[in-house]
PDB file of N, CA and C in Angstrom:
ATOM      1  N   MET A   1       0.707  -1.465  -0.162  1.00  0.00           N
ATOM      2  CA  MET A   1      -0.219  -0.163  -0.026  1.00  0.00           C
ATOM      3  C   MET A   1       1.147   1.350   0.080  1.00  0.00           C
ATOM      4  N   ALA A   2       1.297   2.064  -1.119  1.00  0.00           N
ATOM      5  CA  ALA A   2       1.635   3.011  -1.025  1.00  0.00           C
ATOM      6  C   ALA A   2       0.871   4.362  -0.582  1.00  0.00           C
ATOM      7  N   THR A   3       1.303   5.058   0.611  1.00  0.00           N
ATOM      8  CA  THR A   3       1.142   6.289   1.111  1.00  0.00           C
ATOM      9  C   THR A   3       1.329   7.102   0.892  1.00  0.00           C
ATOM     10  N   GLU A   4       0.613   8.623   1.278  1.00  0.00           N
ATOM     11  CA  GLU A   4       1.991   9.441   0.616  1.00  0.00           C
ATOM     12  C   GLU A   4       1.710  10.232   2.173  1.00  0.00           C
ATOM     13  N   VAL A   5       2.608  11.521   1.955  1.00  0.00           N
ATOM     14  CA  VAL A   5       2.983  12.326   2.864  1.00  0.00           C
ATOM     15  C   VAL A   5       2.877  14.053   2.433  1.00  0.00           C
ATOM     16  N   ARG A   6       2.317  14.672   3.030  1.00  0.00           N
ATOM     17  CA  ARG A   6       2.433  16.186   2.476  1.00  0.00           C
ATOM     18  C   ARG A   6       3.217  16.819   3.129  1.00  0.00           C
ATOM     19  N   VAL A   7       4.027  17.297   2.783  1.00  0.00           N
ATOM     20  CA  VAL A   7       5.264  18.607   3.243  1.00  0.00           C
ATOM     21  C   VAL A   7       5.114  19.941   3.068  1.00  0.00           C
ATOM     22  N   THR A   8       5.446  20.544   3.701  1.00  0.00           N
ATOM     23  CA  THR A   8       5.010  21.922   3.461  1.00  0.00           C
ATOM     24  C   THR A   8       6.162  22.734   3.986  1.00  0.00           C
ATOM     25  N   LEU A   9       6.940  23.755   3.345  1.00  0.00           N
ATOM     26  CA  LEU A   9       8.378  24.639   3.724  1.00  0.00           C
ATOM     27  C   LEU A   9       8.147  25.227   4.667  1.00  0.00           C
ATOM     28  N   LYS A  10       8.093  25.735   5.881  1.00  0.00           N
ATOM     29  CA  LYS A  10       7.887  26.713   6.628  1.00  0.00           C
ATOM     30  C   LYS A  10       9.472  27.320   7.266  1.00  0.00           C
ATOM     31  N   LYS A  11      10.684  27.345   6.858  1.00  0.00           N
ATOM     32  CA  LYS A  11      11.804  27.953   6.834  1.00  0.00           C
ATOM     33  C   LYS A  11      12.888  28.064   5.660  1.00  0.00           C
ATOM     34  N   SER A  12      13.308  28.959   5.748  1.00  0.00           N
ATOM     35  CA  SER A  12      14.145  29.415   4.218  1.00  0.00           C
ATOM     36  C   SER A  12      15.549  28.614   4.622  1.00  0.00           C
ATOM     37  N   PRO A  13      15.879  28.199   3.642  1.00  0.00           N
ATOM     38  CA  PRO A  13      17.654  27.363   3.935  1.00  0.00           C
ATOM     39  C   PRO A  13      18.430  28.538   3.631  1.00  0.00           C
ATOM     40  N   ILE A  14      18.056  29.825   3.656  1.00  0.00           N
ATOM     41  CA  ILE A  14      19.143  30.551   3.510  1.00  0.00           C
ATOM     42  C   ILE A  14      20.078  31.354   4.919  1.00  0.00           C
ATOM     43  N   GLY A  15      21.144  31.037   4.838  1.00  0.00           N
ATOM     44  CA  GLY A  15      21.834  31.391   5.938  1.00  0.00           C
ATOM     45  C   GLY A  15      22.176  29.820   6.547  1.00  0.00           C
ATOM     46  N   ARG A  16      22.026  29.273   6.503  1.00  0.00           N
ATOM     47  CA  ARG A  16      22.347  27.108   6.499  1.00  0.00           C
ATOM     48  C   ARG A  16      23.565  26.827   5.899  1.00  0.00           C
ATOM     49  N   LYS A  17      23.740  25.191   5.642  1.00  0.00           N
ATOM     50  CA  LYS A  17      24.877  24.808   5.063  1.00  0.00           C
ATOM     51  C   LYS A  17      23.781  24.924   3.969  1.00  0.00           C
ATOM     52  N   ALA A  18      24.844  24.325   2.419  1.00  0.00           N
ATOM     53  CA  ALA A  18      24.307  24.397   1.682  1.00  0.00           C
ATOM     54  C   ALA A  18      23.990  22.712   1.298  1.00  0.00           C
ATOM     55  N   TYR A  19      23.629  21.808   2.471  1.00  0.00           N
ATOM     56  CA  TYR A  19      23.239  20.480   2.868  1.00  0.00           C
ATOM     57  C   TYR A  19      22.140  20.043   2.566  1.00  0.00           C
ATOM     58  N   PHE A  20      21.467  21.763   3.230  1.00  0.00           N
ATOM     59  CA  PHE A  20      20.066  22.142   3.792  1.00  0.00           C
ATOM     60  C   PHE A  20      19.346  22.603   2.233  1.00  0.00           C
ATOM     61  N   ALA A  21      19.679  22.731   1.929  1.00  0.00           N
ATOM     62  CA  ALA A  21      19.297  23.195   0.575  1.00  0.00           C
ATOM     63  C   ALA A  21      19.122  22.518  -0.453  1.00  0.00           C
ATOM     64  N   LYS A  22      19.654  21.228  -0.689  1.00  0.00           N
ATOM     65  CA  LYS A  22      20.064  20.554  -1.489  1.00  0.00           C
ATOM     66  C   LYS A  22      19.104  19.349  -1.270  1.00  0.00           C
ATOM     67  N   VAL A  23      18.515  19.047   0.169  1.00  0.00           N
ATOM     68  CA  VAL A  23      17.958  18.001   0.045  1.00  0.00           C
ATOM     69  C   VAL A  23      16.598  18.653   0.574  1.00  0.00           C
ATOM     70  N   LEU A  24      16.484  19.965   0.531  1.00  0.00           N
ATOM     71  CA  LEU A  24      14.689  20.665   0.212  1.00  0.00           C
ATOM     72  C   LEU A  24      14.679  20.748  -1.042  1.00  0.00           C
ATOM     73  N   LYS A  25      15.475  20.886  -2.366  1.00  0.00           N
ATOM     74  CA  LYS A  25      15.288  20.634  -3.650  1.00  0.00           C
ATOM     75  C   LYS A  25      15.093  19.260  -3.999  1.00  0.00           C
ATOM     76  N   GLY A  26      15.904  18.435  -3.688  1.00  0.00           N
ATOM     77  CA  GLY A  26      15.452  16.983  -3.534  1.00  0.00           C
ATOM     78  C   GLY A  26      14.095  16.404  -3.847  1.00  0.00           C
ATOM     79  N   LEU A  27      13.595  17.053  -2.158  1.00  0.00           N
ATOM     80  CA  LEU A  27      12.386  17.200  -2.176  1.00  0.00           C
ATOM     81  C   LEU A  27      10.713  17.632  -2.928  1.00  0.00           C
ATOM     82  N   GLY A  28      11.898  18.624  -3.486  1.00  0.00           N
ATOM     83  CA  GLY A  28      10.486  19.105  -4.248  1.00  0.00           C
ATOM     84  C   GLY A  28      10.242  20.650  -4.035  1.00  0.00           C
ATOM     85  N   LEU A  29      10.737  20.667  -2.429  1.00  0.00           N
ATOM     86  CA  LEU A  29      10.789  22.450  -2.080  1.00  0.00           C
ATOM     87  C   LEU A  29      11.192  23.312  -1.915  1.00  0.00           C
ATOM     88  N   THR A  30      11.101  24.114  -3.285  1.00  0.00           N
ATOM     89  CA  THR A  30      11.835  25.285  -3.928  1.00  0.00           C
ATOM     90  C   THR A  30      11.550  26.775  -3.239  1.00  0.00           C
ATOM     91  N   ARG A  31      10.194  27.277  -2.865  1.00  0.00           N
ATOM     92  CA  ARG A  31       9.267  28.366  -2.224  1.00  0.00           C
ATOM     93  C   ARG A  31       8.576  28.280  -0.736  1.00  0.00           C
ATOM     94  N   LEU A  32       9.050  28.931  -0.239  1.00  0.00           N
ATOM     95  CA  LEU A  32       8.222  29.320   1.232  1.00  0.00           C
ATOM     96  C   LEU A  32       6.697  29.278   0.692  1.00  0.00           C
ATOM     97  N   GLN A  33       6.502  28.277   2.241  1.00  0.00           N
ATOM     98  CA  GLN A  33       4.852  28.151   1.774  1.00  0.00           C
ATOM     99  C   GLN A  33       4.947  26.459   0.822  1.00  0.00           C
ATOM    100  N   LYS A  34       5.197  26.535   0.194  1.00  0.00           N
ATOM    101  CA  LYS A  34       5.022  25.664  -0.842  1.00  0.00           C
ATOM    102  C   LYS A  34       4.764  24.124  -0.335  1.00  0.00           C
ATOM    103  N   THR A  35       3.806  23.367  -0.391  1.00  0.00           N
ATOM    104  CA  THR A  35       3.400  22.419  -0.103  1.00  0.00           C
ATOM    105  C   THR A  35       3.695  20.773  -1.555  1.00  0.00           C
ATOM    106  N   VAL A  36       3.988  19.835  -1.331  1.00  0.00           N
ATOM    107  CA  VAL A  36       4.040  18.745  -1.960  1.00  0.00           C
ATOM    108  C   VAL A  36       3.615  17.926  -1.179  1.00  0.00           C
ATOM    109  N   THR A  37       3.235  16.901  -1.999  1.00  0.00           N
ATOM    110  CA  THR A  37       3.050  15.329  -1.457  1.00  0.00           C
ATOM    111  C   THR A  37       4.141  14.313  -2.225  1.00  0.00           C
ATOM    112  N   LEU A  38       4.526  13.581  -1.316  1.00  0.00           N
ATOM    113  CA  LEU A  38       5.043  13.124  -1.883  1.00  0.00           C
ATOM    114  C   LEU A  38       4.990  11.130  -1.326  1.00  0.00           C
ATOM    115  N   GLN A  39       5.703  10.157  -1.561  1.00  0.00           N
ATOM    116  CA  GLN A  39       5.172   9.089  -1.098  1.00  0.00           C
ATOM    117  C   GLN A  39       5.970   8.691  -0.295  1.00  0.00           C
ATOM    118  N   ASP A  40       5.954   7.983   0.852  1.00  0.00           N
ATOM    119  CA  ASP A  40       5.755   7.776   1.914  1.00  0.00           C
ATOM    120  C   ASP A  40       6.914   6.503   1.831  1.00  0.00           C
ATOM    121  N   THR A  41       8.280   7.043   1.286  1.00  0.00           N
ATOM    122  CA  THR A  41       8.874   5.622   1.425  1.00  0.00           C
ATOM    123  C   THR A  41      10.481   5.626   2.227  1.00  0.00           C
ATOM    124  N   PRO A  42      11.063   4.877   2.535  1.00  0.00           N
ATOM    125  CA  PRO A  42      12.117   5.226   3.483  1.00  0.00           C
ATOM    126  C   PRO A  42      13.562   5.879   3.203  1.00  0.00           C
ATOM    127  N   GLU A  43      13.811   6.548   1.941  1.00  0.00           N
ATOM    128  CA  GLU A  43      14.056   7.153   1.414  1.00  0.00           C
ATOM    129  C   GLU A  43      14.066   8.833   2.007  1.00  0.00           C
ATOM    130  N   ILE A  44      12.285   8.870   0.832  1.00  0.00           N
ATOM    131  CA  ILE A  44      11.371   9.894   1.396  1.00  0.00           C
ATOM    132  C   ILE A  44      11.530  10.774   3.181  1.00  0.00           C
ATOM    133  N   ARG A  45      11.359   9.190   4.093  1.00  0.00           N
ATOM    134  CA  ARG A  45      11.859   9.354   5.469  1.00  0.00           C
ATOM    135  C   ARG A  45      13.030  10.578   6.175  1.00  0.00           C
ATOM    136  N   GLY A  46      13.817   9.626   5.067  1.00  0.00           N
ATOM    137  CA  GLY A  46      15.297  10.357   5.952  1.00  0.00           C
ATOM    138  C   GLY A  46      15.411  11.621   5.449  1.00  0.00           C
ATOM    139  N   MET A  47      15.059  11.553   4.453  1.00  0.00           N
ATOM    140  CA  MET A  47      15.387  12.960   3.754  1.00  0.00           C
ATOM    141  C   MET A  47      14.737  14.066   4.690  1.00  0.00           C
ATOM    142  N   LEU A  48      13.395  13.775   4.600  1.00  0.00           N
ATOM    143  CA  LEU A  48      12.502  14.307   5.869  1.00  0.00           C
ATOM    144  C   LEU A  48      13.038  14.660   7.536  1.00  0.00           C
ATOM    145  N   ARG A  49      13.867  13.467   7.846  1.00  0.00           N
ATOM    146  CA  ARG A  49      14.253  13.632   9.216  1.00  0.00           C
ATOM    147  C   ARG A  49      15.453  14.539   9.490  1.00  0.00           C
ATOM    148  N   LYS A  50      16.312  14.755   8.378  1.00  0.00           N
ATOM    149  CA  LYS A  50      17.098  15.672   8.046  1.00  0.00           C
ATOM    150  C   LYS A  50      16.999  17.433   8.106  1.00  0.00           C
ATOM    151  N   VAL A  51      15.294  17.434   7.396  1.00  0.00           N
ATOM    152  CA  VAL A  51      14.956  18.831   7.360  1.00  0.00           C
ATOM    153  C   VAL A  51      13.899  19.437   8.187  1.00  0.00           C
ATOM    154  N   GLU A  52      13.914  18.393   9.192  1.00  0.00           N
ATOM    155  CA  GLU A  52      12.238  18.371   9.969  1.00  0.00           C
ATOM    156  C   GLU A  52      12.215  19.298  10.876  1.00  0.00           C
ATOM    157  N   HIS A  53      13.297  20.553  11.195  1.00  0.00           N
ATOM    158  CA  HIS A  53      13.223  21.664  11.717  1.00  0.00           C
ATOM    159  C   HIS A  53      12.596  22.787  10.560  1.00  0.00           C
ATOM    160  N   MET A  54      12.578  22.811   9.234  1.00  0.00           N
ATOM    161  CA  MET A  54      12.590  23.475   8.609  1.00  0.00           C
ATOM    162  C   MET A  54      11.377  23.386   7.636  1.00  0.00           C
ATOM    163  N   VAL A  55      10.581  22.267   7.970  1.00  0.00           N
ATOM    164  CA  VAL A  55       9.338  22.067   7.252  1.00  0.00           C
ATOM    165  C   VAL A  55       8.296  21.323   8.134  1.00  0.00           C
ATOM    166  N   ALA A  56       6.838  20.861   7.864  1.00  0.00           N
ATOM    167  CA  ALA A  56       5.717  20.794   7.981  1.00  0.00           C
ATOM    168  C   ALA A  56       5.489  19.527   7.700  1.00  0.00           C
ATOM    169  N   ILE A  57       5.444  18.164   8.502  1.00  0.00           N
ATOM    170  CA  ILE A  57       5.364  17.207   7.735  1.00  0.00           C
ATOM    171  C   ILE A  57       3.481  16.501   8.436  1.00  0.00           C
ATOM    172  N   GLU A  58       2.815  16.419   7.233  1.00  0.00           N
ATOM    173  CA  GLU A  58       1.239  15.948   7.186  1.00  0.00           C
ATOM    174  C   GLU A  58       1.295  14.638   7.045  1.00  0.00           C
ATOM    175  N   ASP A  59       1.038  13.513   7.944  1.00  0.00           N
ATOM    176  CA  ASP A  59       1.167  12.096   7.242  1.00  0.00           C
ATOM    177  C   ASP A  59      -0.514  12.189   6.662  1.00  0.00           C
TER     178      ASP A  59
END
């Protein structure tokens, strides 16, 4: 069963390490308040754990 997770970018990657901006771009989050729907896979969950302080996650 393929579930989905909705993610919204709440904080800007400006002033943070470039790594965070790359992870956000990989998730498809390019602007503040942008919401994307992603497949709930272990790879996506790992990326979300790295930037959980910058995004809002809705299961």
